[in-house]
Amino acid sequence: MPPVITALYGALNAIFNIFLANEVSRQRGKSKVSIGEGSDPAMLVAIRAHGNNAEFVPLAIVMMLLCELCGGNRAVLHIFGGLLLFARVAHWVGLPRKAPNPFRFSGVALTWGMIAGASGYALYLRFTI
């Protein structure tokens, strides 16, 4: 069976990543900065929001895909995918806010937790098949 659940969350996260990339471009025009962040803190926030998303989402999606290909439970896969999308949006919302920051913290913790959980689930599936 094709990995339709991973495809769903992969597509949603890809759309969110394009949104974040557009935010970088929009901020570049506003700040008149073509390379780097210049001296604008908002530019740095936009760059890091996009960069952090681009760094963590591919690994998370690969782990989801492995779980799905190994016959993972559909509900578990939807939980992983929903957590990932929620976590990435929470991180984006929290990134420009000052610490302590529950949005950024929960976004990071849920992203890492989802990757660790999917990794453990993939190992479980691998050794129980």
C-alpha atoms as a PDB file:
ATOM      1  CA  MET A   1       0.000   0.000   0.000  1.00  0.00           C
ATOM      2  CA  PRO A   2       1.381   3.467  -0.813  1.00  0.00           C
ATOM      3  CA  PRO A   3       2.496   5.632   2.138  1.00  0.00           C
ATOM      4  CA  VAL A   4      -0.548   7.937   1.993  1.00  0.00           C
ATOM      5  CA  ILE A   5      -0.322   9.169   5.596  1.00  0.00           C
ATOM      6  CA  THR A   6       3.291  10.239   5.236  1.00  0.00           C
ATOM      7  CA  ALA A   7       2.384  11.848   1.911  1.00  0.00           C
ATOM      8  CA  LEU A   8      -0.312  13.916   3.654  1.00  0.00           C
ATOM      9  CA  TYR A   9       1.956  15.250   6.399  1.00  0.00           C
ATOM     10  CA  GLY A  10       4.898  15.602   4.047  1.00  0.00           C
ATOM     11  CA  ALA A  11       2.775  17.782   1.771  1.00  0.00           C
ATOM     12  CA  LEU A  12       1.392  19.897   4.629  1.00  0.00           C
ATOM     13  CA  ASN A  13       4.889  20.459   6.019  1.00  0.00           C
ATOM     14  CA  ALA A  14       6.219  21.271   2.551  1.00  0.00           C
ATOM     15  CA  ILE A  15       3.521  23.924   2.143  1.00  0.00           C
ATOM     16  CA  PHE A  16       4.425  25.345   5.562  1.00  0.00           C
ATOM     17  CA  ASN A  17       8.103  25.380   4.561  1.00  0.00           C
ATOM     18  CA  ILE A  18       7.270  27.375   1.411  1.00  0.00           C
ATOM     19  CA  PHE A  19       5.297  29.788   3.608  1.00  0.00           C
ATOM     20  CA  LEU A  20       8.385  30.226   5.819  1.00  0.00           C
ATOM     21  CA  ALA A  21      10.619  30.718   2.766  1.00  0.00           C
ATOM     22  CA  ASN A  22       8.215  33.391   1.543  1.00  0.00           C
ATOM     23  CA  GLU A  23       8.453  35.087   4.938  1.00  0.00           C
ATOM     24  CA  VAL A  24      12.231  35.269   4.474  1.00  0.00           C
ATOM     25  CA  SER A  25      11.790  36.823   1.011  1.00  0.00           C
ATOM     26  CA  ARG A  26       9.176  39.248   2.299  1.00  0.00           C
ATOM     27  CA  GLN A  27      11.450  40.288   5.153  1.00  0.00           C
ATOM     28  CA  ARG A  28      14.394  40.677   2.764  1.00  0.00           C
ATOM     29  CA  GLY A  29      12.371  43.151   0.704  1.00  0.00           C
ATOM     30  CA  LYS A  30      11.222  45.011   3.803  1.00  0.00           C
ATOM     31  CA  SER A  31      14.738  45.137   5.297  1.00  0.00           C
ATOM     32  CA  LYS A  32      16.503  45.647   1.956  1.00  0.00           C
ATOM     33  CA  VAL A  33      18.939  42.832   2.782  1.00  0.00           C
ATOM     34  CA  SER A  34      19.887  40.485  -0.046  1.00  0.00           C
ATOM     35  CA  ILE A  35      22.358  38.198   1.768  1.00  0.00           C
ATOM     36  CA  GLY A  36      22.512  37.305   5.448  1.00  0.00           C
ATOM     37  CA  GLU A  37      20.443  39.080   8.064  1.00  0.00           C
ATOM     38  CA  GLY A  38      22.061  42.509   7.955  1.00  0.00           C
ATOM     39  CA  SER A  39      21.397  44.274  11.234  1.00  0.00           C
ATOM     40  CA  ASP A  40      17.658  43.480  11.334  1.00  0.00           C
ATOM     41  CA  PRO A  41      16.639  41.071  14.130  1.00  0.00           C
ATOM     42  CA  ALA A  42      13.375  40.290  12.290  1.00  0.00           C
ATOM     43  CA  MET A  43      15.421  39.126   9.308  1.00  0.00           C
ATOM     44  CA  LEU A  44      17.389  36.728  11.512  1.00  0.00           C
ATOM     45  CA  VAL A  45      14.154  35.382  13.041  1.00  0.00           C
ATOM     46  CA  ALA A  46      12.671  34.704   9.594  1.00  0.00           C
ATOM     47  CA  ILE A  47      15.866  33.010   8.406  1.00  0.00           C
ATOM     48  CA  ARG A  48      16.076  30.784  11.486  1.00  0.00           C
ATOM     49  CA  ALA A  49      12.382  29.882  11.435  1.00  0.00           C
ATOM     50  CA  HIS A  50      12.774  28.642   7.868  1.00  0.00           C
ATOM     51  CA  GLY A  51      16.190  27.080   8.485  1.00  0.00           C
ATOM     52  CA  ASN A  52      15.135  25.229  11.617  1.00  0.00           C
ATOM     53  CA  ASN A  53      12.086  23.869   9.825  1.00  0.00           C
ATOM     54  CA  ALA A  54      14.204  22.768   6.863  1.00  0.00           C
ATOM     55  CA  GLU A  55      16.659  21.076   9.251  1.00  0.00           C
ATOM     56  CA  PHE A  56      14.205  18.981  11.267  1.00  0.00           C
ATOM     57  CA  VAL A  57      11.196  18.216   9.059  1.00  0.00           C
ATOM     58  CA  PRO A  58      13.012  15.993   6.523  1.00  0.00           C
ATOM     59  CA  LEU A  59      14.287  13.645   9.238  1.00  0.00           C
ATOM     60  CA  ALA A  60      10.842  13.531  10.855  1.00  0.00           C
ATOM     61  CA  ILE A  61       9.159  12.735   7.536  1.00  0.00           C
ATOM     62  CA  VAL A  62      11.718  10.021   6.740  1.00  0.00           C
ATOM     63  CA  MET A  63      11.064   8.416  10.133  1.00  0.00           C
ATOM     64  CA  MET A  64       7.311   8.559   9.512  1.00  0.00           C
ATOM     65  CA  LEU A  65       7.821   7.015   6.090  1.00  0.00           C
ATOM     66  CA  LEU A  66       9.879   4.163   7.531  1.00  0.00           C
ATOM     67  CA  CYS A  67       7.187   3.494  10.130  1.00  0.00           C
ATOM     68  CA  GLU A  68       4.475   3.490   7.494  1.00  0.00           C
ATOM     69  CA  LEU A  69       6.444   1.226   5.149  1.00  0.00           C
ATOM     70  CA  CYS A  70       7.025  -1.178   8.045  1.00  0.00           C
ATOM     71  CA  GLY A  71       3.275  -1.444   8.606  1.00  0.00           C
ATOM     72  CA  GLY A  72       2.813   1.124  11.357  1.00  0.00           C
ATOM     73  CA  ASN A  73      -0.636   1.707  12.811  1.00  0.00           C
ATOM     74  CA  ARG A  74      -2.559   4.418  10.954  1.00  0.00           C
ATOM     75  CA  ALA A  75      -3.645   6.185  14.161  1.00  0.00           C
ATOM     76  CA  VAL A  76      -0.069   6.266  15.469  1.00  0.00           C
ATOM     77  CA  LEU A  77       1.142   7.689  12.156  1.00  0.00           C
ATOM     78  CA  HIS A  78      -1.540  10.396  12.244  1.00  0.00           C
ATOM     79  CA  ILE A  79      -0.499  11.259  15.799  1.00  0.00           C
ATOM     80  CA  PHE A  80       3.133  11.597  14.696  1.00  0.00           C
ATOM     81  CA  GLY A  81       2.175  13.699  11.678  1.00  0.00           C
ATOM     82  CA  GLY A  82      -0.210  15.936  13.588  1.00  0.00           C
ATOM     83  CA  LEU A  83       2.320  16.464  16.360  1.00  0.00           C
ATOM     84  CA  LEU A  84       4.989  17.400  13.855  1.00  0.00           C
ATOM     85  CA  LEU A  85       2.852  19.984  12.093  1.00  0.00           C
ATOM     86  CA  PHE A  86       1.598  21.430  15.392  1.00  0.00           C
ATOM     87  CA  ALA A  87       5.160  21.544  16.753  1.00  0.00           C
ATOM     88  CA  ARG A  88       6.551  23.363  13.725  1.00  0.00           C
ATOM     89  CA  VAL A  89       3.794  25.995  13.824  1.00  0.00           C
ATOM     90  CA  ALA A  90       4.295  26.434  17.585  1.00  0.00           C
ATOM     91  CA  HIS A  91       8.034  26.926  17.041  1.00  0.00           C
ATOM     92  CA  TRP A  92       7.361  29.550  14.365  1.00  0.00           C
ATOM     93  CA  VAL A  93       4.882  31.402  16.608  1.00  0.00           C
ATOM     94  CA  GLY A  94       7.313  31.356  19.523  1.00  0.00           C
ATOM     95  CA  LEU A  95      10.560  32.160  17.747  1.00  0.00           C
ATOM     96  CA  PRO A  96      10.243  35.972  17.797  1.00  0.00           C
ATOM     97  CA  ARG A  97       9.071  36.059  21.442  1.00  0.00           C
ATOM     98  CA  LYS A  98      11.349  36.619  24.426  1.00  0.00           C
ATOM     99  CA  ALA A  99      12.199  33.811  26.857  1.00  0.00           C
ATOM    100  CA  PRO A 100      10.689  32.134  28.730  1.00  0.00           C
ATOM    101  CA  ASN A 101       8.713  31.085  25.720  1.00  0.00           C
ATOM    102  CA  PRO A 102       6.252  28.161  25.957  1.00  0.00           C
ATOM    103  CA  PHE A 103       5.524  28.178  22.202  1.00  0.00           C
ATOM    104  CA  ARG A 104       9.140  27.816  21.156  1.00  0.00           C
ATOM    105  CA  PHE A 105       9.913  25.346  23.942  1.00  0.00           C
ATOM    106  CA  SER A 106       6.915  23.150  23.133  1.00  0.00           C
ATOM    107  CA  GLY A 107       7.676  23.355  19.408  1.00  0.00           C
ATOM    108  CA  VAL A 108      11.218  22.124  19.945  1.00  0.00           C
ATOM    109  CA  ALA A 109      10.240  19.493  22.522  1.00  0.00           C
ATOM    110  CA  LEU A 110       7.405  18.102  20.412  1.00  0.00           C
ATOM    111  CA  THR A 111       9.538  18.033  17.258  1.00  0.00           C
ATOM    112  CA  TRP A 112      12.360  16.180  18.996  1.00  0.00           C
ATOM    113  CA  GLY A 113       9.878  13.949  20.812  1.00  0.00           C
ATOM    114  CA  MET A 114       8.117  13.075  17.561  1.00  0.00           C
ATOM    115  CA  ILE A 115      11.422  12.152  15.892  1.00  0.00           C
ATOM    116  CA  ALA A 116      12.514  10.090  18.909  1.00  0.00           C
ATOM    117  CA  GLY A 117       9.091   8.441  19.156  1.00  0.00           C
ATOM    118  CA  ALA A 118       8.990   7.587  15.461  1.00  0.00           C
ATOM    119  CA  SER A 119      12.543   6.239  15.688  1.00  0.00           C
ATOM    120  CA  GLY A 120      11.615   4.001  18.602  1.00  0.00           C
ATOM    121  CA  TYR A 121       8.426   2.919  16.840  1.00  0.00           C
ATOM    122  CA  ALA A 122      10.398   2.046  13.680  1.00  0.00           C
ATOM    123  CA  LEU A 123      12.756  -0.105  15.756  1.00  0.00           C
ATOM    124  CA  TYR A 124       9.787  -1.761  17.445  1.00  0.00           C
ATOM    125  CA  LEU A 125       8.156  -2.474  14.087  1.00  0.00           C
ATOM    126  CA  ARG A 126      11.404  -3.780  12.640  1.00  0.00           C
ATOM    127  CA  PHE A 127      11.955  -6.283  15.419  1.00  0.00           C
ATOM    128  CA  THR A 128       8.346  -7.430  15.812  1.00  0.00           C
ATOM    129  CA  ILE A 129       7.585  -8.203  12.164  1.00  0.00           C
END
